[in-house]
Amino acid sequence: MSNAPTTHAPTTTEITGARTEDAAALITGARERIDALDDRIIGLVQERMAVSAVIQEARMTSGGRRVNLSREMEILGHYRDALGKPGTTLAMTLLELCRGRV
């Protein structure tokens, strides 16, 4: 007879923190949707980074600076207006990702 502890597969209520199977099913479905949305968001951020690199290259090739601060302020305002104060933080992170090495 083995003294090894027995393990069981966690139930959906344990995984989700829900107290009923109905709630656990709803949460599981919603999490799948969030995961799909996150994948799309990541893809869009990567696309934005590529477009931003094209703009930066064109600007620098023409003798300009890599970063256009007035444009960045527009973007910060747009995100703040749409999402509130956390939108500013999100926009700052997005701008940092899209600037590349400065």
Protein backbone atom coordinates (compact mmCIF):
# COMPACT_ATOMS: atom_id res chain seq x y z
CA MET A 1 0.00 0.00 0.00
CA SER A 2 1.44 3.34 -1.05
CA ASN A 3 1.64 6.32 1.28
CA ALA A 4 1.76 8.74 -1.66
CA PRO A 5 -0.92 11.42 -1.45
CA THR A 6 -3.77 10.98 -3.85
CA THR A 7 -4.47 13.80 -6.22
CA HIS A 8 -7.62 14.60 -8.08
CA ALA A 9 -8.25 16.69 -11.11
CA PRO A 10 -9.60 20.08 -10.06
CA THR A 11 -13.25 20.64 -10.83
CA THR A 12 -14.45 23.57 -12.91
CA THR A 13 -15.76 25.22 -9.76
CA GLU A 14 -12.32 24.92 -8.17
CA ILE A 15 -10.62 26.27 -11.30
CA THR A 16 -12.98 29.22 -11.69
CA GLY A 17 -13.70 30.00 -8.05
CA ALA A 18 -17.41 29.76 -8.81
CA ARG A 19 -19.80 28.17 -6.35
CA THR A 20 -22.11 26.53 -8.87
CA GLU A 21 -21.60 24.54 -12.05
CA ASP A 22 -23.71 27.06 -14.00
CA ALA A 23 -21.49 29.93 -12.90
CA ALA A 24 -18.37 27.85 -13.59
CA ALA A 25 -19.57 27.13 -17.13
CA LEU A 26 -20.30 30.81 -17.74
CA ILE A 27 -16.88 31.82 -16.42
CA THR A 28 -15.11 29.17 -18.48
CA GLY A 29 -16.80 30.40 -21.66
CA ALA A 30 -16.08 34.03 -20.84
CA ARG A 31 -12.43 33.24 -20.14
CA GLU A 32 -12.13 31.56 -23.53
CA ARG A 33 -13.55 34.72 -25.12
CA ILE A 34 -11.06 36.88 -23.16
CA ASP A 35 -8.19 34.65 -24.29
CA ALA A 36 -9.30 35.07 -27.91
CA LEU A 37 -9.60 38.85 -27.45
CA ASP A 38 -6.14 38.98 -25.88
CA ASP A 39 -4.70 37.14 -28.88
CA ARG A 40 -6.33 39.69 -31.21
CA ILE A 41 -5.09 42.61 -29.08
CA ILE A 42 -1.54 41.25 -29.15
CA GLY A 43 -1.75 40.88 -32.92
CA LEU A 44 -3.01 44.44 -33.27
CA VAL A 45 -0.23 45.78 -31.04
CA GLN A 46 2.33 43.95 -33.15
CA GLU A 47 0.76 45.41 -36.30
CA ARG A 48 0.82 48.88 -34.72
CA MET A 49 4.50 48.42 -33.88
CA ALA A 50 5.28 47.57 -37.50
CA VAL A 51 3.37 50.58 -38.85
CA SER A 52 5.04 52.83 -36.29
CA ALA A 53 8.47 51.57 -37.41
CA VAL A 54 7.62 52.55 -41.01
CA ILE A 55 6.62 56.05 -39.88
CA GLN A 56 9.75 56.46 -37.76
CA GLU A 57 11.98 55.32 -40.60
CA ALA A 58 10.36 57.76 -43.03
CA ARG A 59 10.61 60.59 -40.53
CA MET A 60 14.29 59.92 -39.75
CA THR A 61 15.22 59.37 -43.41
CA SER A 62 13.79 62.79 -44.19
CA GLY A 63 15.92 64.35 -41.44
CA GLY A 64 13.29 64.39 -38.71
CA ARG A 65 13.30 62.96 -35.22
CA ARG A 66 12.19 59.43 -34.39
CA VAL A 67 9.55 60.61 -31.93
CA ASN A 68 6.91 63.28 -32.57
CA LEU A 69 5.92 64.49 -29.10
CA SER A 70 2.85 66.44 -30.21
CA ARG A 71 1.50 63.29 -31.89
CA GLU A 72 2.18 61.28 -28.75
CA MET A 73 0.24 63.85 -26.70
CA GLU A 74 -2.71 63.42 -29.11
CA ILE A 75 -2.59 59.67 -28.60
CA LEU A 76 -2.41 60.00 -24.80
CA GLY A 77 -5.41 62.32 -24.85
CA HIS A 78 -7.38 59.97 -27.08
CA TYR A 79 -6.82 57.00 -24.76
CA ARG A 80 -7.49 59.09 -21.65
CA ASP A 81 -10.76 60.40 -23.10
CA ALA A 82 -11.89 56.91 -24.08
CA LEU A 83 -10.71 54.95 -21.03
CA GLY A 84 -10.06 57.42 -18.21
CA LYS A 85 -6.82 57.67 -16.27
CA PRO A 86 -5.86 54.00 -16.82
CA GLY A 87 -6.09 54.73 -20.55
CA THR A 88 -3.16 57.11 -20.21
CA THR A 89 -1.08 54.34 -18.65
CA LEU A 90 -2.11 51.95 -21.41
CA ALA A 91 -1.22 54.50 -24.09
CA MET A 92 2.17 55.15 -22.48
CA THR A 93 2.93 51.43 -22.57
CA LEU A 94 1.77 51.20 -26.18
CA LEU A 95 3.89 54.18 -27.18
CA GLU A 96 6.90 52.68 -25.43
CA LEU A 97 6.42 49.41 -27.32
CA CYS A 98 6.08 51.22 -30.64
CA ARG A 99 9.03 53.57 -30.26
CA GLY A 100 11.59 50.82 -30.40
CA ARG A 101 15.04 51.76 -29.28
CA VAL A 102 15.32 55.51 -28.88
